[in-house]
Amino acid sequence: TIVIYPVPGFFLNARQFYGSIGVDEFYDPAELGVSKGWNWRVPDSLFYAALRKKLDAMPKDQPVAALLLTINQHGPHDRIDAIGDYMNRYAQSDLAYEAFLEYLTARGRKAGVVTFGDHLPEFATQVFEDDDRRELTDYEIRCINFTCKNAAGHDSTEQLDVTLLGPVALEYFGFEIDGLSRYGRNLFAQCASDVSRCAEEVRLRFNRA
């Protein structure tokens, strides 16, 4: 299990947290030689290249789960032409993502890929007054070199809380979900799978579990 983090590992106590849940390897930008740590404009391609290097160094039959976080799209964006700046960065990110998918396909191994956003950029406050709208982003699940299976009860046209994205993806990849994930799915079904709208007690029951 690998985590590639886009800012210094002490931010949000990330290094210690990921270690506490059993992640084998954690790398921040300085360790990867990508930047000194706080650089909001690091191209996504550099982080993908770092992950490719790690994968290429592993035995061919080594299973791996990797979480790669990027920062280029996050902002802050240009104050004069924020949307133009955002779209330029988006184009760069899109090309880097496409190249990484091509790499995984050429590698010839089965690979499940989940891509999801964090939140809309800071200038979205000029467009959406509602904080909830700014927290909505897209996600994508891809099965590379194999065919996706169906996820029980999942409708890709409906909003899905990020808390439930992992279990849904695992089902698409052909895994059985664990008991905790099933419990969470049943708990949050009562609030249309939008965890933030569930009663506090419901969220606490999941946390305690």
Protein backbone atom coordinates (compact mmCIF):
# COMPACT_ATOMS: atom_id res chain seq x y z
CA THR A 1 0.00 0.00 0.00
CA ILE A 2 1.39 3.35 -1.11
CA VAL A 3 0.31 6.94 -0.48
CA ILE A 4 1.71 9.78 -2.59
CA TYR A 5 0.89 13.07 -0.88
CA PRO A 6 1.08 16.46 -2.67
CA VAL A 7 2.15 18.62 0.30
CA PRO A 8 4.46 18.04 3.32
CA GLY A 9 3.61 14.90 5.22
CA PHE A 10 3.02 16.74 8.48
CA PHE A 11 0.05 18.61 6.98
CA LEU A 12 -3.16 17.37 8.65
CA ASN A 13 -0.94 14.81 10.41
CA ALA A 14 -1.12 12.74 7.23
CA ARG A 15 2.05 10.69 7.57
CA GLN A 16 1.19 9.52 11.08
CA PHE A 17 -2.45 8.89 10.18
CA TYR A 18 -1.73 6.75 7.13
CA GLY A 19 0.86 4.82 9.08
CA SER A 20 -1.69 4.19 11.83
CA ILE A 21 -4.06 2.47 9.39
CA GLY A 22 -1.36 0.23 7.99
CA VAL A 23 -0.04 1.99 4.87
CA ASP A 24 3.34 0.51 3.97
CA GLU A 25 4.92 3.45 2.14
CA PHE A 26 4.19 7.19 2.39
CA TYR A 27 5.90 9.80 0.21
CA ASP A 28 5.56 13.58 0.17
CA PRO A 29 6.90 15.92 -2.56
CA ALA A 30 10.31 16.43 -0.93
CA GLU A 31 10.91 12.69 -0.64
CA LEU A 32 9.92 12.23 -4.28
CA GLY A 33 12.16 15.08 -5.41
CA VAL A 34 9.14 16.78 -6.95
CA SER A 35 9.25 20.00 -4.91
CA LYS A 36 10.29 21.29 -1.50
CA GLY A 37 6.78 20.59 -0.28
CA TRP A 38 4.56 23.67 -0.67
CA ASN A 39 4.10 24.18 -4.40
CA TRP A 40 0.54 24.55 -5.60
CA ARG A 41 1.56 24.31 -9.26
CA VAL A 42 3.28 20.92 -9.34
CA PRO A 43 2.02 19.20 -12.52
CA ASP A 44 0.03 16.03 -11.96
CA SER A 45 2.36 14.29 -14.41
CA LEU A 46 5.22 14.42 -11.89
CA PHE A 47 3.18 12.57 -9.27
CA TYR A 48 2.05 9.97 -11.83
CA ALA A 49 5.68 9.53 -12.89
CA ALA A 50 6.65 8.92 -9.26
CA LEU A 51 3.99 6.24 -8.91
CA ARG A 52 5.02 4.64 -12.19
CA LYS A 53 8.60 4.44 -10.93
CA LYS A 54 7.42 2.68 -7.76
CA LEU A 55 5.27 0.22 -9.72
CA ASP A 56 8.01 -0.54 -12.22
CA ALA A 57 10.39 -1.42 -9.38
CA MET A 58 8.00 -4.01 -7.93
CA PRO A 59 7.79 -7.70 -8.86
CA LYS A 60 5.29 -8.24 -11.68
CA ASP A 61 2.99 -10.33 -9.49
CA GLN A 62 3.00 -7.90 -6.53
CA PRO A 63 -0.51 -6.67 -5.66
CA VAL A 64 -0.55 -2.99 -4.81
CA ALA A 65 -3.08 -0.41 -3.65
CA ALA A 66 -2.05 3.20 -4.19
CA LEU A 67 -3.62 6.50 -3.21
CA LEU A 68 -2.26 9.40 -5.24
CA LEU A 69 -3.32 12.95 -4.41
CA THR A 70 -2.62 15.84 -6.80
CA ILE A 71 -2.55 19.58 -6.11
CA ASN A 72 -2.36 21.43 -9.46
CA GLN A 73 -6.13 21.83 -9.77
CA HIS A 74 -6.61 22.94 -6.19
CA GLY A 75 -5.63 26.58 -6.52
CA PRO A 76 -5.29 29.36 -5.66
CA HIS A 77 -6.02 30.40 -9.23
CA ASP A 78 -5.23 33.53 -11.19
CA ARG A 79 -7.17 36.49 -9.75
CA ILE A 80 -7.80 38.15 -13.11
CA ASP A 81 -8.77 35.10 -15.15
CA ALA A 82 -9.54 32.38 -12.61
CA ILE A 83 -11.69 30.28 -14.93
CA GLY A 84 -9.14 30.45 -17.77
CA ASP A 85 -6.39 29.43 -15.36
CA TYR A 86 -8.56 26.59 -14.05
CA MET A 87 -9.29 25.30 -17.55
CA ASN A 88 -5.62 25.41 -18.53
CA ARG A 89 -4.71 23.37 -15.49
CA TYR A 90 -7.62 21.04 -16.21
CA ALA A 91 -6.26 20.36 -19.70
CA GLN A 92 -2.84 19.54 -18.23
CA SER A 93 -4.39 17.22 -15.64
CA ASP A 94 -6.52 15.51 -18.28
CA LEU A 95 -3.49 14.72 -20.45
CA ALA A 96 -1.53 13.41 -17.45
CA TYR A 97 -4.44 11.17 -16.40
CA GLU A 98 -4.84 9.83 -19.94
CA ALA A 99 -1.13 9.01 -20.13
CA PHE A 100 -1.30 7.17 -16.80
CA LEU A 101 -4.28 5.10 -17.97
CA GLU A 102 -2.36 4.21 -21.14
CA TYR A 103 0.58 3.15 -18.98
CA LEU A 104 -1.64 0.87 -16.89
CA THR A 105 -3.19 -0.65 -20.01
CA ALA A 106 0.23 -1.31 -21.57
CA ARG A 107 1.42 -2.85 -18.31
CA GLY A 108 -0.98 -5.71 -19.06
CA ARG A 109 -2.11 -6.30 -15.49
CA LYS A 110 -5.59 -5.87 -14.09
CA ALA A 111 -5.95 -2.41 -12.57
CA GLY A 112 -8.93 -0.80 -10.91
CA VAL A 113 -8.84 3.00 -10.97
CA VAL A 114 -11.01 5.36 -8.92
CA THR A 115 -10.73 9.08 -9.60
CA PHE A 116 -12.58 11.67 -7.54
CA GLY A 117 -12.52 15.37 -6.77
CA ASP A 118 -12.06 17.15 -3.47
CA HIS A 119 -14.20 20.26 -3.86
CA LEU A 120 -14.75 23.00 -6.40
CA PRO A 121 -12.06 25.73 -6.61
CA GLU A 122 -12.05 28.79 -4.38
CA PHE A 123 -13.54 31.07 -7.06
CA ALA A 124 -16.69 28.91 -7.09
CA THR A 125 -17.90 31.04 -4.18
CA GLN A 126 -18.69 33.65 -6.85
CA VAL A 127 -20.92 31.14 -8.63
CA PHE A 128 -22.51 29.03 -5.89
CA GLU A 129 -23.69 30.63 -2.67
CA ASP A 130 -24.61 27.22 -1.27
CA ASP A 131 -21.64 25.53 0.45
CA ASP A 132 -23.15 22.11 -0.33
CA ARG A 133 -23.00 22.80 -4.07
CA ARG A 134 -19.29 23.60 -3.82
CA GLU A 135 -18.64 20.24 -2.17
CA LEU A 136 -20.08 18.28 -5.12
CA THR A 137 -17.53 16.90 -7.59
CA ASP A 138 -17.40 14.10 -10.13
CA TYR A 139 -15.95 10.64 -9.72
CA GLU A 140 -15.05 7.85 -12.12
CA ILE A 141 -14.47 4.11 -11.74
CA ARG A 142 -12.50 2.27 -14.44
CA CYS A 143 -11.58 -1.37 -14.90
CA ILE A 144 -8.40 -1.75 -16.95
CA ASN A 145 -7.53 -5.07 -18.60
CA PHE A 146 -10.68 -6.66 -17.17
CA THR A 147 -14.45 -6.13 -17.23
CA CYS A 148 -16.17 -4.36 -14.35
CA LYS A 149 -18.83 -6.20 -12.39
CA ASN A 150 -22.05 -4.63 -11.13
CA ALA A 151 -22.22 -2.98 -7.73
CA ALA A 152 -25.31 -3.89 -5.73
CA GLY A 153 -27.87 -1.10 -5.70
CA HIS A 154 -25.51 1.48 -7.23
CA ASP A 155 -27.00 4.06 -9.58
CA SER A 156 -24.24 6.08 -11.23
CA THR A 157 -26.67 8.92 -11.92
CA GLU A 158 -27.32 9.52 -8.22
CA GLN A 159 -25.17 11.42 -5.76
CA LEU A 160 -22.76 9.20 -3.84
CA ASP A 161 -20.98 10.26 -0.67
CA VAL A 162 -17.22 9.78 -0.81
CA THR A 163 -17.48 7.61 2.33
CA LEU A 164 -19.29 5.02 0.21
CA LEU A 165 -17.16 5.34 -2.92
CA GLY A 166 -14.57 2.79 -1.78
CA PRO A 167 -17.02 -0.06 -1.19
CA VAL A 168 -18.81 0.64 -4.49
CA ALA A 169 -15.50 0.58 -6.36
CA LEU A 170 -14.45 -2.68 -4.70
CA GLU A 171 -17.64 -4.32 -5.93
CA TYR A 172 -17.03 -3.07 -9.46
CA PHE A 173 -13.55 -4.60 -9.24
CA GLY A 174 -15.02 -7.96 -8.24
CA PHE A 175 -14.26 -7.99 -4.52
CA GLU A 176 -16.74 -8.77 -1.77
CA ILE A 177 -17.11 -5.78 0.53
CA ASP A 178 -16.27 -6.14 4.19
CA GLY A 179 -18.72 -6.14 7.08
CA LEU A 180 -17.99 -2.54 8.07
CA SER A 181 -18.73 -1.34 4.54
CA ARG A 182 -22.00 -3.24 4.46
CA TYR A 183 -22.93 -1.76 7.83
CA GLY A 184 -22.17 1.75 6.61
CA ARG A 185 -24.19 1.25 3.44
CA ASN A 186 -27.22 0.13 5.44
CA LEU A 187 -26.84 2.98 7.94
CA PHE A 188 -26.50 5.73 5.36
CA ALA A 189 -29.23 4.42 3.08
CA GLN A 190 -31.74 6.16 5.36
CA CYS A 191 -30.32 9.54 4.30
CA ALA A 192 -30.02 8.81 0.59
CA SER A 193 -26.33 7.88 0.94
CA ASP A 194 -25.44 11.51 1.77
CA VAL A 195 -23.51 11.06 4.99
CA SER A 196 -23.43 14.80 5.79
CA ARG A 197 -27.24 14.84 5.94
CA CYS A 198 -27.47 11.87 8.28
CA ALA A 199 -28.22 12.44 11.95
CA GLU A 200 -25.14 12.85 14.12
CA GLU A 201 -25.97 9.66 15.99
CA VAL A 202 -25.93 7.68 12.73
CA ARG A 203 -22.45 8.97 11.87
CA LEU A 204 -21.25 8.25 15.42
CA ARG A 205 -22.54 4.68 15.21
CA PHE A 206 -20.47 4.14 12.07
CA ASN A 207 -17.40 5.77 13.67
CA ARG A 208 -17.72 3.61 16.76
CA ALA A 209 -18.04 0.49 14.60
